[in-house]
């Protein structure tokens, strides 16, 4: 018997025994034959995030037998915790969480576990005292992404001195942590590389532009911008052009995500190197749910295979075959 039917039975018994209205919402009969999924999404701060949301909506559609309840947390962890509790109260079959940060989930995930609702983590990882509180995780190896970016810098510049501006993502998110660790390790290995500036651009284009414009106004000299996502790189490019500088020539730009728009800029030579972070997790989550529905056990952790791109490797054929 599914959770939604149990909720309906309990509510009817409460009415019969106590003569009072049910305290919890009763499942809508329209969706009785569907798998109900509550999805707590970080927000809509970037092209990557929007592609990730679309992928979930397409895979977990009514045509495929799902009812998807989407909640936009606007990059606030407290909104995500509230959303998860609402999903539990509604008696959804599965919860999908794209967490804002890695820490602070133990209590609410314990509540989901007590309710018997499997939790699937996507994109960013979480730190949990007991990893049985979530069913599985699927996403990217963010430290590997950072290592690949600095390896390209090493190959491109060798022992040259570099002045690096670092635009970080949301502090405490897995993408920020892994990509920052990759750069920090390289800075320790290359004393001729100098970190001249570091601040968070919150993964947004507007903040990325604001930070670089402020640096240029202060006449800070730099050779490389290490941007932890494409949208901040777009903002940096706008700031450089506004100052009369040529992205990709006057300043080397390293970025992450490899969205379609960014790869156009790689082809144009404005972004020098872009590390892929694949957002199309919808079909992967659907496959996990189908395996669970059939009584199977998915892997605890699944890392997505990804590529890297620069002017020497990107082609129009690659561009035309991409889904984001």
Protein backbone atom coordinates (compact mmCIF):
# COMPACT_ATOMS: atom_id res chain seq x y z
CA UNK A 1 0.00 0.00 0.00
CA UNK A 2 1.51 3.39 -1.01
CA UNK A 3 1.96 6.32 1.34
CA UNK A 4 -0.81 8.33 -0.32
CA UNK A 5 -3.31 5.49 0.20
CA UNK A 6 -2.18 5.09 3.80
CA UNK A 7 -2.73 8.81 4.31
CA UNK A 8 -6.23 8.52 2.83
CA UNK A 9 -7.13 5.51 5.00
CA UNK A 10 -5.84 7.18 8.16
CA UNK A 11 -7.77 10.35 7.40
CA UNK A 12 -11.04 8.42 6.85
CA UNK A 13 -10.56 6.44 10.07
CA UNK A 14 -10.01 9.70 11.92
CA UNK A 15 -13.30 11.05 10.61
CA UNK A 16 -15.20 7.85 11.47
CA UNK A 17 -13.76 7.47 14.97
CA UNK A 18 -13.57 11.09 16.06
CA UNK A 19 -16.06 12.87 13.86
CA UNK A 20 -13.49 15.52 13.02
CA UNK A 21 -11.85 16.77 9.86
CA UNK A 22 -8.44 15.32 8.94
CA UNK A 23 -5.43 17.33 10.09
CA UNK A 24 -3.39 16.44 7.01
CA UNK A 25 -4.28 17.00 3.36
CA UNK A 26 -5.85 14.06 1.57
CA UNK A 27 -4.21 12.99 -1.68
CA UNK A 28 -5.95 14.19 -4.85
CA UNK A 29 -7.68 11.23 -6.59
CA UNK A 30 -6.50 12.63 -9.93
CA UNK A 31 -2.96 11.51 -9.08
CA UNK A 32 -3.75 8.16 -7.43
CA UNK A 33 -1.98 6.19 -10.17
CA UNK A 34 1.02 8.52 -10.37
CA UNK A 35 4.30 8.57 -8.50
CA UNK A 36 4.39 11.85 -6.58
CA UNK A 37 7.82 13.51 -6.34
CA UNK A 38 8.64 16.62 -4.34
CA UNK A 39 11.63 18.46 -5.80
CA UNK A 40 13.37 21.17 -3.76
CA UNK A 41 15.43 23.17 -6.25
CA UNK A 42 18.11 25.65 -5.17
CA UNK A 43 16.72 28.42 -7.37
CA UNK A 44 17.07 29.86 -10.87
CA UNK A 45 20.37 31.67 -10.51
CA UNK A 46 22.03 30.35 -13.66
CA UNK A 47 21.54 28.78 -17.08
CA UNK A 48 22.77 25.50 -15.58
CA UNK A 49 20.11 25.57 -12.86
CA UNK A 50 17.32 26.32 -15.33
CA UNK A 51 18.45 23.44 -17.57
CA UNK A 52 18.48 21.18 -14.52
CA UNK A 53 14.90 22.15 -13.64
CA UNK A 54 13.69 21.61 -17.22
CA UNK A 55 15.31 18.18 -17.26
CA UNK A 56 13.43 17.18 -14.10
CA UNK A 57 10.14 18.51 -15.43
CA UNK A 58 10.51 16.64 -18.72
CA UNK A 59 11.51 13.31 -17.16
CA UNK A 60 9.12 13.40 -14.19
CA UNK A 61 6.10 14.42 -16.26
CA UNK A 62 2.48 13.30 -16.07
CA UNK A 63 2.97 11.59 -19.44
CA UNK A 64 5.63 9.45 -17.78
CA UNK A 65 3.41 8.67 -14.80
CA UNK A 66 4.66 11.28 -12.33
CA UNK A 67 3.28 14.23 -10.47
CA UNK A 68 6.18 16.62 -9.83
CA UNK A 69 5.81 19.20 -7.07
CA UNK A 70 8.54 21.79 -7.69
CA UNK A 71 9.65 24.23 -5.02
CA UNK A 72 12.10 27.07 -5.80
CA UNK A 73 14.13 27.85 -2.67
CA UNK A 74 15.59 31.10 -4.04
CA UNK A 75 19.00 29.96 -2.78
CA UNK A 76 17.86 29.84 0.86
CA UNK A 77 18.42 26.68 2.89
CA UNK A 78 15.61 27.50 5.30
CA UNK A 79 13.16 27.50 2.37
CA UNK A 80 14.40 24.07 1.36
CA UNK A 81 13.93 22.68 4.86
CA UNK A 82 10.38 24.07 4.90
CA UNK A 83 9.70 22.57 1.48
CA UNK A 84 10.92 19.12 2.56
CA UNK A 85 8.67 19.23 5.61
CA UNK A 86 5.75 20.20 3.37
CA UNK A 87 6.54 17.25 1.09
CA UNK A 88 6.53 14.93 4.11
CA UNK A 89 3.19 16.38 5.26
CA UNK A 90 1.75 15.84 1.78
CA UNK A 91 2.85 12.21 1.78
CA UNK A 92 4.87 12.29 -1.44
CA UNK A 93 6.43 9.07 -2.68
CA UNK A 94 9.93 10.50 -3.20
CA UNK A 95 11.85 13.65 -2.33
CA UNK A 96 14.54 15.04 -4.63
CA UNK A 97 16.87 17.62 -3.12
CA UNK A 98 19.37 19.89 -4.87
CA UNK A 99 20.94 21.32 -1.69
CA UNK A 100 22.06 24.92 -1.29
CA UNK A 101 24.96 23.93 0.96
CA UNK A 102 26.51 20.71 2.26
CA UNK A 103 25.73 21.12 5.96
CA UNK A 104 22.60 21.39 8.09
CA UNK A 105 20.34 18.63 6.74
CA UNK A 106 20.43 15.95 9.45
CA UNK A 107 17.23 16.88 11.28
CA UNK A 108 14.93 17.25 8.30
CA UNK A 109 16.31 14.18 6.53
CA UNK A 110 15.77 12.17 9.70
CA UNK A 111 12.13 13.29 9.53
CA UNK A 112 11.87 12.08 5.93
CA UNK A 113 13.44 8.75 6.90
CA UNK A 114 10.97 8.34 9.77
CA UNK A 115 8.15 8.95 7.30
CA UNK A 116 9.54 6.24 5.02
CA UNK A 117 10.16 8.60 2.10
CA UNK A 118 13.30 7.95 0.04
CA UNK A 119 15.43 11.07 -0.56
CA UNK A 120 17.50 11.42 -3.73
CA UNK A 121 20.22 14.08 -3.66
CA UNK A 122 21.19 15.68 -6.98
CA UNK A 123 24.03 17.98 -8.03
CA UNK A 124 25.59 19.17 -4.77
CA UNK A 125 26.56 16.73 -2.03
CA UNK A 126 25.56 16.93 1.63
CA UNK A 127 27.34 16.14 4.88
CA UNK A 128 25.24 13.77 6.99
CA UNK A 129 26.01 12.10 10.31
CA UNK A 130 24.27 8.99 8.98
CA UNK A 131 24.26 8.47 5.23
CA UNK A 132 21.25 6.16 5.53
CA UNK A 133 19.17 9.34 5.82
CA UNK A 134 19.35 9.70 2.03
CA UNK A 135 18.89 6.95 -0.52
CA UNK A 136 21.46 7.99 -3.10
CA UNK A 137 23.27 10.91 -4.71
CA UNK A 138 24.01 11.74 -8.35
CA UNK A 139 26.16 14.60 -9.59
CA UNK A 140 29.60 15.83 -10.59
CA UNK A 141 33.09 15.39 -9.15
CA UNK A 142 33.69 19.07 -8.46
CA UNK A 143 37.25 18.64 -7.19
CA UNK A 144 38.10 16.81 -10.40
CA UNK A 145 36.60 19.71 -12.35
CA UNK A 146 38.87 22.16 -10.51
CA UNK A 147 41.91 19.95 -11.10
CA UNK A 148 41.14 19.78 -14.84
CA UNK A 149 40.88 23.57 -15.04
CA UNK A 150 44.26 24.20 -13.40
CA UNK A 151 45.86 21.40 -15.42
CA UNK A 152 44.89 23.34 -18.55
CA UNK A 153 46.45 26.49 -17.07
CA UNK A 154 49.64 24.55 -16.33
CA UNK A 155 49.77 23.22 -19.89
CA UNK A 156 48.99 26.62 -21.41
CA UNK A 157 51.33 28.81 -19.34
CA UNK A 158 53.94 26.47 -17.89
CA UNK A 159 56.15 28.32 -15.41
CA UNK A 160 54.91 31.79 -16.32
CA UNK A 161 53.86 34.13 -13.54
CA UNK A 162 50.09 34.54 -13.39
CA UNK A 163 47.89 36.99 -11.51
CA UNK A 164 44.57 35.27 -10.88
CA UNK A 165 41.13 36.63 -10.02
CA UNK A 166 38.88 34.00 -8.45
CA UNK A 167 35.09 34.37 -8.70
CA UNK A 168 33.59 31.84 -6.30
CA UNK A 169 30.08 30.39 -6.31
CA UNK A 170 27.74 30.11 -3.34
CA UNK A 171 30.02 29.58 -0.34
CA UNK A 172 29.54 26.14 1.18
CA UNK A 173 28.06 24.53 -1.93
CA UNK A 174 29.78 21.42 -3.28
CA UNK A 175 30.63 23.10 -6.59
CA UNK A 176 32.28 26.02 -4.80
CA UNK A 177 34.18 23.76 -2.40
CA UNK A 178 35.54 21.38 -5.04
CA UNK A 179 36.46 24.02 -7.62
CA UNK A 180 38.10 26.19 -4.96
CA UNK A 181 40.09 23.22 -3.64
CA UNK A 182 41.42 22.56 -7.14
CA UNK A 183 42.68 26.12 -7.50
CA UNK A 184 44.07 26.27 -3.96
CA UNK A 185 46.09 23.11 -4.54
CA UNK A 186 47.53 24.56 -7.73
CA UNK A 187 48.40 27.86 -6.03
CA UNK A 188 50.36 25.92 -3.41
CA UNK A 189 52.20 24.02 -6.14
CA UNK A 190 52.97 27.12 -8.23
CA UNK A 191 54.52 29.94 -6.19
CA UNK A 192 54.73 32.02 -9.37
CA UNK A 193 50.91 32.13 -9.47
CA UNK A 194 49.46 34.95 -7.40
CA UNK A 195 45.86 35.13 -6.20
CA UNK A 196 45.16 38.86 -6.45
CA UNK A 197 41.46 38.73 -5.62
CA UNK A 198 38.81 36.28 -4.41
CA UNK A 199 35.13 36.85 -3.63
CA UNK A 200 31.79 35.17 -4.20
CA UNK A 201 29.67 36.10 -7.19
CA UNK A 202 26.85 33.80 -6.03
CA UNK A 203 26.90 32.03 -9.42
CA UNK A 204 25.09 35.04 -10.99
CA UNK A 205 25.98 37.10 -14.05
CA UNK A 206 25.15 40.42 -12.39
CA UNK A 207 27.43 39.80 -9.41
CA UNK A 208 30.24 38.51 -11.62
CA UNK A 209 30.11 41.72 -13.65
CA UNK A 210 29.92 43.86 -10.52
CA UNK A 211 33.02 42.27 -8.98
CA UNK A 212 35.17 42.58 -12.11
CA UNK A 213 34.05 46.15 -12.76
CA UNK A 214 35.09 47.06 -9.20
CA UNK A 215 38.53 45.48 -9.76
CA UNK A 216 39.04 47.39 -12.99
CA UNK A 217 37.96 50.63 -11.34
CA UNK A 218 40.65 50.06 -8.68
CA UNK A 219 43.20 49.33 -11.42
CA UNK A 220 43.89 45.81 -10.10
CA UNK A 221 46.11 44.00 -12.61
CA UNK A 222 45.30 40.39 -13.51
CA UNK A 223 45.95 37.83 -16.24
CA UNK A 224 43.37 35.11 -15.50
CA UNK A 225 39.78 35.01 -14.29
CA UNK A 226 38.88 31.67 -12.70
CA UNK A 227 35.08 31.77 -12.67
CA UNK A 228 33.27 28.93 -10.91
CA UNK A 229 30.38 28.98 -13.39
CA UNK A 230 29.45 30.28 -16.83
CA UNK A 231 27.07 33.00 -15.69
CA UNK A 232 29.71 34.76 -13.62
CA UNK A 233 32.04 34.44 -16.63
CA UNK A 234 29.43 36.21 -18.80
CA UNK A 235 29.38 39.07 -16.32
CA UNK A 236 33.18 39.20 -16.27
CA UNK A 237 33.26 39.32 -20.07
CA UNK A 238 30.79 42.21 -20.12
CA UNK A 239 32.93 44.11 -17.60
CA UNK A 240 36.12 43.53 -19.59
CA UNK A 241 34.54 44.65 -22.86
CA UNK A 242 33.12 47.74 -21.18
CA UNK A 243 36.68 48.60 -20.11
CA UNK A 244 38.00 48.13 -23.65
CA UNK A 245 39.70 44.80 -22.94
CA UNK A 246 39.43 41.71 -25.13
CA UNK A 247 38.34 38.54 -23.26
CA UNK A 248 40.46 35.55 -24.16
CA UNK A 249 43.39 37.71 -25.29
CA UNK A 250 43.97 40.41 -22.72
CA UNK A 251 42.57 38.16 -19.98
CA UNK A 252 42.34 34.34 -19.97
CA UNK A 253 38.95 33.15 -18.73
CA UNK A 254 38.43 29.74 -17.13
CA UNK A 255 34.82 28.71 -16.57
CA UNK A 256 32.67 25.77 -15.51
CA UNK A 257 29.34 24.27 -16.71
CA UNK A 258 29.89 24.35 -20.50
CA UNK A 259 26.38 25.47 -21.34
CA UNK A 260 25.52 26.09 -25.00
CA UNK A 261 25.99 29.86 -24.75
CA UNK A 262 29.36 29.44 -23.05
CA UNK A 263 30.60 27.04 -25.70
CA UNK A 264 29.69 29.61 -28.35
CA UNK A 265 32.05 31.95 -26.49
CA UNK A 266 34.70 29.21 -26.42
CA UNK A 267 34.38 28.96 -30.20
CA UNK A 268 34.68 32.75 -30.42
CA UNK A 269 37.82 32.68 -28.25
CA UNK A 270 36.39 34.73 -25.39
CA UNK A 271 36.23 31.88 -22.87
CA UNK A 272 39.56 30.06 -23.00
CA UNK A 273 38.62 26.82 -21.25
CA UNK A 274 35.31 25.46 -19.97
CA UNK A 275 34.81 22.37 -17.81
CA UNK A 276 31.53 20.57 -18.32
CA UNK A 277 29.06 20.11 -15.47
CA UNK A 278 26.12 18.18 -16.88
CA UNK A 279 22.72 19.35 -15.51
CA UNK A 280 20.50 16.78 -17.23
CA UNK A 281 19.72 14.72 -14.13
CA UNK A 282 16.00 14.21 -14.83
CA UNK A 283 16.35 10.91 -16.73
CA UNK A 284 18.88 9.72 -14.15
CA UNK A 285 16.49 10.41 -11.28
CA UNK A 286 13.68 8.73 -13.22
CA UNK A 287 15.84 5.62 -13.67
CA UNK A 288 16.65 5.57 -9.93
CA UNK A 289 12.97 5.81 -9.00
CA UNK A 290 12.02 3.06 -11.44
CA UNK A 291 14.70 0.84 -9.96
CA UNK A 292 13.43 1.52 -6.44
CA UNK A 293 9.84 0.89 -7.53
CA UNK A 294 10.94 -2.49 -8.87
CA UNK A 295 12.60 -3.36 -5.55
CA UNK A 296 16.15 -2.71 -6.71
CA UNK A 297 18.95 -0.85 -4.98
CA UNK A 298 20.70 1.97 -6.89
CA UNK A 299 24.35 2.87 -6.21
CA UNK A 300 24.81 5.15 -3.22
CA UNK A 301 26.94 7.62 -5.21
CA UNK A 302 26.94 8.13 -8.97
CA UNK A 303 29.38 10.51 -10.66
CA UNK A 304 28.41 11.81 -14.09
CA UNK A 305 30.99 11.54 -16.88
CA UNK A 306 31.89 14.97 -18.26
CA UNK A 307 34.17 16.66 -20.79
CA UNK A 308 36.29 19.78 -21.15
CA UNK A 309 36.41 22.27 -24.01
CA UNK A 310 38.76 24.83 -25.50
CA UNK A 311 39.17 26.30 -28.97
CA UNK A 312 41.11 23.22 -30.09
CA UNK A 313 38.42 20.71 -29.08
CA UNK A 314 35.05 22.41 -29.57
CA UNK A 315 33.26 21.85 -32.90
CA UNK A 316 29.90 22.76 -34.36
CA UNK A 317 28.98 19.05 -34.37
CA UNK A 318 29.54 18.88 -30.61
CA UNK A 319 27.47 22.02 -30.14
CA UNK A 320 24.55 20.74 -32.21
CA UNK A 321 24.41 17.45 -30.29
CA UNK A 322 24.17 18.95 -26.82
CA UNK A 323 21.01 19.12 -24.72
CA UNK A 324 21.76 22.34 -22.84
